[in-house]
PDB file of N, CA and C in Angstrom:
ATOM      1  N   MET A   1       0.922  -1.145  -0.086  1.00  0.00           N
ATOM      2  CA  MET A   1       0.052  -0.059  -0.051  1.00  0.00           C
ATOM      3  C   MET A   1       0.935   1.245  -0.145  1.00  0.00           C
ATOM      4  N   LYS A   2       0.388   2.257  -0.782  1.00  0.00           N
ATOM      5  CA  LYS A   2       1.217   3.676  -1.075  1.00  0.00           C
ATOM      6  C   LYS A   2       1.224   4.272   0.466  1.00  0.00           C
ATOM      7  N   LYS A   3       2.349   4.904   0.900  1.00  0.00           N
ATOM      8  CA  LYS A   3       2.417   5.891   1.855  1.00  0.00           C
ATOM      9  C   LYS A   3       2.349   7.352   1.232  1.00  0.00           C
ATOM     10  N   ILE A   4       1.465   7.808   1.687  1.00  0.00           N
ATOM     11  CA  ILE A   4       0.980   9.277   1.096  1.00  0.00           C
ATOM     12  C   ILE A   4       1.677  10.401   2.079  1.00  0.00           C
ATOM     13  N   LYS A   5       2.520  11.418   1.972  1.00  0.00           N
ATOM     14  CA  LYS A   5       2.867  12.488   2.604  1.00  0.00           C
ATOM     15  C   LYS A   5       2.010  13.612   2.399  1.00  0.00           C
ATOM     16  N   GLY A   6       1.561  14.296   3.490  1.00  0.00           N
ATOM     17  CA  GLY A   6       0.765  15.411   3.537  1.00  0.00           C
ATOM     18  C   GLY A   6       0.980  16.080   4.610  1.00  0.00           C
ATOM     19  N   ILE A   7       0.363  17.604   4.751  1.00  0.00           N
ATOM     20  CA  ILE A   7       0.133  18.389   5.773  1.00  0.00           C
ATOM     21  C   ILE A   7      -1.262  18.591   6.243  1.00  0.00           C
ATOM     22  N   ILE A   8      -1.502  18.446   7.466  1.00  0.00           N
ATOM     23  CA  ILE A   8      -2.674  19.087   7.901  1.00  0.00           C
ATOM     24  C   ILE A   8      -2.892  20.523   7.580  1.00  0.00           C
ATOM     25  N   ASP A   9      -4.136  20.615   6.843  1.00  0.00           N
ATOM     26  CA  ASP A   9      -4.295  22.007   6.448  1.00  0.00           C
ATOM     27  C   ASP A   9      -5.603  22.722   7.679  1.00  0.00           C
ATOM     28  N   ARG A  10      -6.497  21.601   7.973  1.00  0.00           N
ATOM     29  CA  ARG A  10      -7.494  22.180   8.658  1.00  0.00           C
ATOM     30  C   ARG A  10      -8.497  21.078   9.201  1.00  0.00           C
ATOM     31  N   PHE A  11      -9.308  21.176  10.125  1.00  0.00           N
ATOM     32  CA  PHE A  11     -10.179  19.886  10.616  1.00  0.00           C
ATOM     33  C   PHE A  11     -11.634  20.954  10.198  1.00  0.00           C
ATOM     34  N   GLU A  12     -12.464  20.072   9.719  1.00  0.00           N
ATOM     35  CA  GLU A  12     -13.943  20.456   9.754  1.00  0.00           C
ATOM     36  C   GLU A  12     -14.816  19.306   9.551  1.00  0.00           C
ATOM     37  N   GLU A  13     -15.778  19.494  10.482  1.00  0.00           N
ATOM     38  CA  GLU A  13     -16.901  18.510  10.543  1.00  0.00           C
ATOM     39  C   GLU A  13     -16.340  17.149  10.476  1.00  0.00           C
ATOM     40  N   GLY A  14     -15.466  16.458  11.298  1.00  0.00           N
ATOM     41  CA  GLY A  14     -15.365  15.441  11.537  1.00  0.00           C
ATOM     42  C   GLY A  14     -14.343  14.711  10.283  1.00  0.00           C
ATOM     43  N   PHE A  15     -13.604  15.729   9.474  1.00  0.00           N
ATOM     44  CA  PHE A  15     -12.717  15.508   8.683  1.00  0.00           C
ATOM     45  C   PHE A  15     -11.365  16.342   9.038  1.00  0.00           C
ATOM     46  N   ALA A  16     -10.145  15.702   8.559  1.00  0.00           N
ATOM     47  CA  ALA A  16      -9.079  16.368   8.280  1.00  0.00           C
ATOM     48  C   ALA A  16      -8.919  16.472   6.852  1.00  0.00           C
ATOM     49  N   VAL A  17      -8.683  18.173   6.813  1.00  0.00           N
ATOM     50  CA  VAL A  17      -8.295  18.234   5.445  1.00  0.00           C
ATOM     51  C   VAL A  17      -6.829  18.262   5.352  1.00  0.00           C
ATOM     52  N   VAL A  18      -6.207  17.446   4.298  1.00  0.00           N
ATOM     53  CA  VAL A  18      -4.945  17.404   4.309  1.00  0.00           C
ATOM     54  C   VAL A  18      -4.461  17.661   2.864  1.00  0.00           C
ATOM     55  N   GLU A  19      -3.421  18.831   2.882  1.00  0.00           N
ATOM     56  CA  GLU A  19      -2.653  19.301   1.571  1.00  0.00           C
ATOM     57  C   GLU A  19      -1.696  18.190   1.024  1.00  0.00           C
ATOM     58  N   ILE A  20      -2.041  17.698   0.018  1.00  0.00           N
ATOM     59  CA  ILE A  20      -1.127  16.484  -0.895  1.00  0.00           C
ATOM     60  C   ILE A  20      -0.393  17.006  -2.046  1.00  0.00           C
ATOM     61  N   GLU A  21       0.790  17.373  -2.159  1.00  0.00           N
ATOM     62  CA  GLU A  21       1.458  18.100  -3.135  1.00  0.00           C
ATOM     63  C   GLU A  21       0.508  19.187  -4.185  1.00  0.00           C
ATOM     64  N   GLY A  22       0.060  19.929  -3.177  1.00  0.00           N
ATOM     65  CA  GLY A  22      -0.761  20.916  -3.506  1.00  0.00           C
ATOM     66  C   GLY A  22      -2.369  21.226  -3.710  1.00  0.00           C
ATOM     67  N   ASN A  23      -2.596  19.799  -3.534  1.00  0.00           N
ATOM     68  CA  ASN A  23      -4.060  19.801  -3.522  1.00  0.00           C
ATOM     69  C   ASN A  23      -4.339  19.252  -2.129  1.00  0.00           C
ATOM     70  N   THR A  24      -5.735  19.453  -1.742  1.00  0.00           N
ATOM     71  CA  THR A  24      -6.259  18.887  -0.478  1.00  0.00           C
ATOM     72  C   THR A  24      -7.225  17.964  -0.831  1.00  0.00           C
ATOM     73  N   LYS A  25      -7.019  16.862   0.049  1.00  0.00           N
ATOM     74  CA  LYS A  25      -7.882  15.738   0.190  1.00  0.00           C
ATOM     75  C   LYS A  25      -8.539  15.561   1.612  1.00  0.00           C
ATOM     76  N   ASP A  26      -9.981  15.066   1.735  1.00  0.00           N
ATOM     77  CA  ASP A  26     -10.460  14.869   2.942  1.00  0.00           C
ATOM     78  C   ASP A  26     -10.555  13.533   3.331  1.00  0.00           C
ATOM     79  N   TYR A  27     -10.090  13.265   4.872  1.00  0.00           N
ATOM     80  CA  TYR A  27      -9.890  12.082   5.299  1.00  0.00           C
ATOM     81  C   TYR A  27     -10.861  12.139   6.725  1.00  0.00           C
ATOM     82  N   PRO A  28     -11.145  10.918   6.939  1.00  0.00           N
ATOM     83  CA  PRO A  28     -12.025  10.827   8.461  1.00  0.00           C
ATOM     84  C   PRO A  28     -11.170  11.127   9.402  1.00  0.00           C
ATOM     85  N   ARG A  29     -11.668  12.246  10.394  1.00  0.00           N
ATOM     86  CA  ARG A  29     -10.871  12.821  11.327  1.00  0.00           C
ATOM     87  C   ARG A  29     -10.198  11.498  12.402  1.00  0.00           C
ATOM     88  N   ASP A  30     -11.268  10.655  12.310  1.00  0.00           N
ATOM     89  CA  ASP A  30     -10.735   9.321  13.366  1.00  0.00           C
ATOM     90  C   ASP A  30      -9.780   8.712  13.299  1.00  0.00           C
ATOM     91  N   ILE A  31      -9.192   8.504  11.816  1.00  0.00           N
ATOM     92  CA  ILE A  31      -7.816   7.765  11.616  1.00  0.00           C
ATOM     93  C   ILE A  31      -6.723   8.668  11.884  1.00  0.00           C
ATOM     94  N   PHE A  32      -6.893   9.934  12.620  1.00  0.00           N
ATOM     95  CA  PHE A  32      -5.683  10.511  12.966  1.00  0.00           C
ATOM     96  C   PHE A  32      -5.501  10.537  14.113  1.00  0.00           C
ATOM     97  N   PRO A  33      -4.284  10.575  14.941  1.00  0.00           N
ATOM     98  CA  PRO A  33      -3.969  10.441  16.435  1.00  0.00           C
ATOM     99  C   PRO A  33      -4.663  11.610  16.858  1.00  0.00           C
ATOM    100  N   LYS A  34      -5.074  11.681  17.945  1.00  0.00           N
ATOM    101  CA  LYS A  34      -5.816  12.669  18.900  1.00  0.00           C
ATOM    102  C   LYS A  34      -4.791  13.869  18.909  1.00  0.00           C
ATOM    103  N   ASN A  35      -3.697  13.773  19.072  1.00  0.00           N
ATOM    104  CA  ASN A  35      -2.433  14.939  18.951  1.00  0.00           C
ATOM    105  C   ASN A  35      -2.286  15.927  17.760  1.00  0.00           C
ATOM    106  N   THR A  36      -3.112  15.181  16.859  1.00  0.00           N
ATOM    107  CA  THR A  36      -2.562  15.743  15.421  1.00  0.00           C
ATOM    108  C   THR A  36      -3.143  17.298  15.329  1.00  0.00           C
ATOM    109  N   GLN A  37      -2.174  18.086  14.840  1.00  0.00           N
ATOM    110  CA  GLN A  37      -2.370  19.647  14.654  1.00  0.00           C
ATOM    111  C   GLN A  37      -2.320  19.971  13.511  1.00  0.00           C
ATOM    112  N   VAL A  38      -2.914  21.424  13.160  1.00  0.00           N
ATOM    113  CA  VAL A  38      -2.847  21.968  11.926  1.00  0.00           C
ATOM    114  C   VAL A  38      -1.315  22.288  11.697  1.00  0.00           C
ATOM    115  N   GLY A  39      -0.657  22.022  10.522  1.00  0.00           N
ATOM    116  CA  GLY A  39       0.464  22.111   9.973  1.00  0.00           C
ATOM    117  C   GLY A  39       1.207  20.993  10.288  1.00  0.00           C
ATOM    118  N   ASP A  40       0.789  19.610  11.063  1.00  0.00           N
ATOM    119  CA  ASP A  40       1.583  18.678  11.055  1.00  0.00           C
ATOM    120  C   ASP A  40       1.983  17.923   9.815  1.00  0.00           C
ATOM    121  N   VAL A  41       3.298  17.605   9.585  1.00  0.00           N
ATOM    122  CA  VAL A  41       3.553  16.657   8.506  1.00  0.00           C
ATOM    123  C   VAL A  41       3.175  15.316   8.842  1.00  0.00           C
ATOM    124  N   VAL A  42       2.261  14.290   7.787  1.00  0.00           N
ATOM    125  CA  VAL A  42       1.793  13.304   8.370  1.00  0.00           C
ATOM    126  C   VAL A  42       1.950  12.559   7.075  1.00  0.00           C
ATOM    127  N   TYR A  43       2.277  11.191   7.632  1.00  0.00           N
ATOM    128  CA  TYR A  43       2.165   9.966   6.535  1.00  0.00           C
ATOM    129  C   TYR A  43       0.845   9.169   6.591  1.00  0.00           C
ATOM    130  N   ILE A  44       0.120   9.015   5.505  1.00  0.00           N
ATOM    131  CA  ILE A  44      -1.101   8.366   5.599  1.00  0.00           C
ATOM    132  C   ILE A  44      -0.836   6.961   4.665  1.00  0.00           C
ATOM    133  N   THR A  45      -1.177   5.694   5.300  1.00  0.00           N
ATOM    134  CA  THR A  45      -0.895   4.548   4.642  1.00  0.00           C
ATOM    135  C   THR A  45      -2.207   3.875   4.994  1.00  0.00           C
ATOM    136  N   GLY A  46      -3.282   3.932   3.850  1.00  0.00           N
ATOM    137  CA  GLY A  46      -4.483   3.310   4.100  1.00  0.00           C
ATOM    138  C   GLY A  46      -5.351   4.040   5.110  1.00  0.00           C
ATOM    139  N   ASP A  47      -5.829   3.208   6.241  1.00  0.00           N
ATOM    140  CA  ASP A  47      -6.365   3.944   7.473  1.00  0.00           C
ATOM    141  C   ASP A  47      -5.380   4.355   8.581  1.00  0.00           C
ATOM    142  N   LYS A  48      -3.914   4.271   8.446  1.00  0.00           N
ATOM    143  CA  LYS A  48      -3.077   4.232   9.536  1.00  0.00           C
ATOM    144  C   LYS A  48      -2.239   5.574   9.249  1.00  0.00           C
ATOM    145  N   VAL A  49      -1.970   6.694  10.062  1.00  0.00           N
ATOM    146  CA  VAL A  49      -1.722   7.896  10.193  1.00  0.00           C
ATOM    147  C   VAL A  49      -0.400   7.946  11.004  1.00  0.00           C
ATOM    148  N   GLU A  50       0.787   8.411  10.715  1.00  0.00           N
ATOM    149  CA  GLU A  50       1.915   8.790  11.532  1.00  0.00           C
ATOM    150  C   GLU A  50       2.395  10.188  11.257  1.00  0.00           C
ATOM    151  N   ILE A  51       2.435  10.813  12.577  1.00  0.00           N
ATOM    152  CA  ILE A  51       2.741  11.945  12.395  1.00  0.00           C
ATOM    153  C   ILE A  51       4.519  12.190  12.484  1.00  0.00           C
ATOM    154  N   ASP A  52       4.945  13.054  11.428  1.00  0.00           N
ATOM    155  CA  ASP A  52       6.138  13.167  11.530  1.00  0.00           C
ATOM    156  C   ASP A  52       6.751  14.378  12.406  1.00  0.00           C
ATOM    157  N   LYS A  53       6.857  14.671  13.672  1.00  0.00           N
ATOM    158  CA  LYS A  53       7.414  15.759  14.578  1.00  0.00           C
ATOM    159  C   LYS A  53       8.735  16.211  13.964  1.00  0.00           C
ATOM    160  N   SER A  54       9.543  15.446  13.648  1.00  0.00           N
ATOM    161  CA  SER A  54      10.851  16.357  13.277  1.00  0.00           C
ATOM    162  C   SER A  54      10.678  16.802  11.968  1.00  0.00           C
ATOM    163  N   GLU A  55       9.835  16.752  11.107  1.00  0.00           N
ATOM    164  CA  GLU A  55       9.700  17.047   9.751  1.00  0.00           C
ATOM    165  C   GLU A  55       8.490  18.377   9.914  1.00  0.00           C
ATOM    166  N   THR A  56       7.655  18.355  10.813  1.00  0.00           N
ATOM    167  CA  THR A  56       6.771  19.370  10.956  1.00  0.00           C
ATOM    168  C   THR A  56       7.592  20.556  11.527  1.00  0.00           C
ATOM    169  N   LYS A  57       8.688  20.310  12.583  1.00  0.00           N
ATOM    170  CA  LYS A  57       9.748  21.270  13.186  1.00  0.00           C
ATOM    171  C   LYS A  57      10.391  21.970  12.178  1.00  0.00           C
ATOM    172  N   ARG A  58      10.835  21.214  11.139  1.00  0.00           N
ATOM    173  CA  ARG A  58      11.814  21.550  10.286  1.00  0.00           C
ATOM    174  C   ARG A  58      11.212  22.270   9.079  1.00  0.00           C
ATOM    175  N   LEU A  59       9.836  21.905   9.022  1.00  0.00           N
ATOM    176  CA  LEU A  59       8.845  22.760   7.735  1.00  0.00           C
ATOM    177  C   LEU A  59       8.605  24.184   8.719  1.00  0.00           C
ATOM    178  N   ALA A  60       8.140  23.985   9.917  1.00  0.00           N
ATOM    179  CA  ALA A  60       7.807  25.448  10.350  1.00  0.00           C
ATOM    180  C   ALA A  60       9.120  26.160  10.677  1.00  0.00           C
ATOM    181  N   LYS A  61      10.116  25.730  10.725  1.00  0.00           N
ATOM    182  CA  LYS A  61      11.620  26.662  10.968  1.00  0.00           C
ATOM    183  C   LYS A  61      11.524  27.308   9.472  1.00  0.00           C
ATOM    184  N   GLU A  62      11.824  26.304   8.465  1.00  0.00           N
ATOM    185  CA  GLU A  62      11.549  26.897   7.115  1.00  0.00           C
ATOM    186  C   GLU A  62      10.722  28.030   6.878  1.00  0.00           C
ATOM    187  N   ILE A  63       9.407  27.763   7.346  1.00  0.00           N
ATOM    188  CA  ILE A  63       8.421  29.013   7.004  1.00  0.00           C
ATOM    189  C   ILE A  63       8.786  30.184   7.846  1.00  0.00           C
ATOM    190  N   GLU A  64       9.122  30.044   9.087  1.00  0.00           N
ATOM    191  CA  GLU A  64       9.274  31.107   9.742  1.00  0.00           C
ATOM    192  C   GLU A  64      10.643  31.919   9.445  1.00  0.00           C
ATOM    193  N   ASP A  65      11.547  31.056   8.735  1.00  0.00           N
ATOM    194  CA  ASP A  65      12.693  32.025   8.169  1.00  0.00           C
ATOM    195  C   ASP A  65      12.298  32.600   7.013  1.00  0.00           C
ATOM    196  N   LEU A  66      11.392  31.941   6.322  1.00  0.00           N
ATOM    197  CA  LEU A  66      11.297  32.872   5.010  1.00  0.00           C
ATOM    198  C   LEU A  66      10.336  33.812   5.358  1.00  0.00           C
ATOM    199  N   MET A  67       9.176  34.005   6.290  1.00  0.00           N
ATOM    200  CA  MET A  67       8.734  35.312   6.960  1.00  0.00           C
ATOM    201  C   MET A  67       9.544  36.472   7.314  1.00  0.00           C
ATOM    202  N   ASN A  68      10.551  35.902   8.051  1.00  0.00           N
ATOM    203  CA  ASN A  68      11.539  36.969   8.251  1.00  0.00           C
ATOM    204  C   ASN A  68      12.142  37.594   7.298  1.00  0.00           C
ATOM    205  N   GLU A  69      12.333  36.521   6.400  1.00  0.00           N
ATOM    206  CA  GLU A  69      13.206  37.689   5.103  1.00  0.00           C
ATOM    207  C   GLU A  69      12.569  38.626   4.407  1.00  0.00           C
ATOM    208  N   VAL A  70      10.981  38.158   4.559  1.00  0.00           N
ATOM    209  CA  VAL A  70      10.160  39.072   3.712  1.00  0.00           C
ATOM    210  C   VAL A  70      10.002  40.257   4.874  1.00  0.00           C
ATOM    211  N   TRP A  71      10.005  40.288   6.011  1.00  0.00           N
ATOM    212  CA  TRP A  71       9.674  41.610   6.841  1.00  0.00           C
ATOM    213  C   TRP A  71      11.061  42.195   7.483  1.00  0.00           C
ATOM    214  N   GLU A  72      12.110  41.535   6.605  1.00  0.00           N
ATOM    215  CA  GLU A  72      12.891  42.202   7.421  1.00  0.00           C
ATOM    216  C   GLU A  72      13.387  43.962   6.931  1.00  0.00           C
ATOM    217  N   ASP A  73      13.639  44.826   7.673  1.00  0.00           N
ATOM    218  CA  ASP A  73      13.782  46.054   7.247  1.00  0.00           C
ATOM    219  C   ASP A  73      15.226  46.431   6.286  1.00  0.00           C
TER     220      ASP A  73
END
């Protein structure tokens, strides 16, 4: 079974909206670990989901660095 990498975009009405390669897809909220948050990098294999905390932190730092570059005086 294929492992899909995505980023949690938002939660709505029992679904997790996951961004995958620029597109979004809805997955049932109950397949995600309880501690899943918006912005988390996840790997989805069928109905199993893993959160990649180290990749989430790396991505958050990358975004923060880009924002700092944009807003530098």
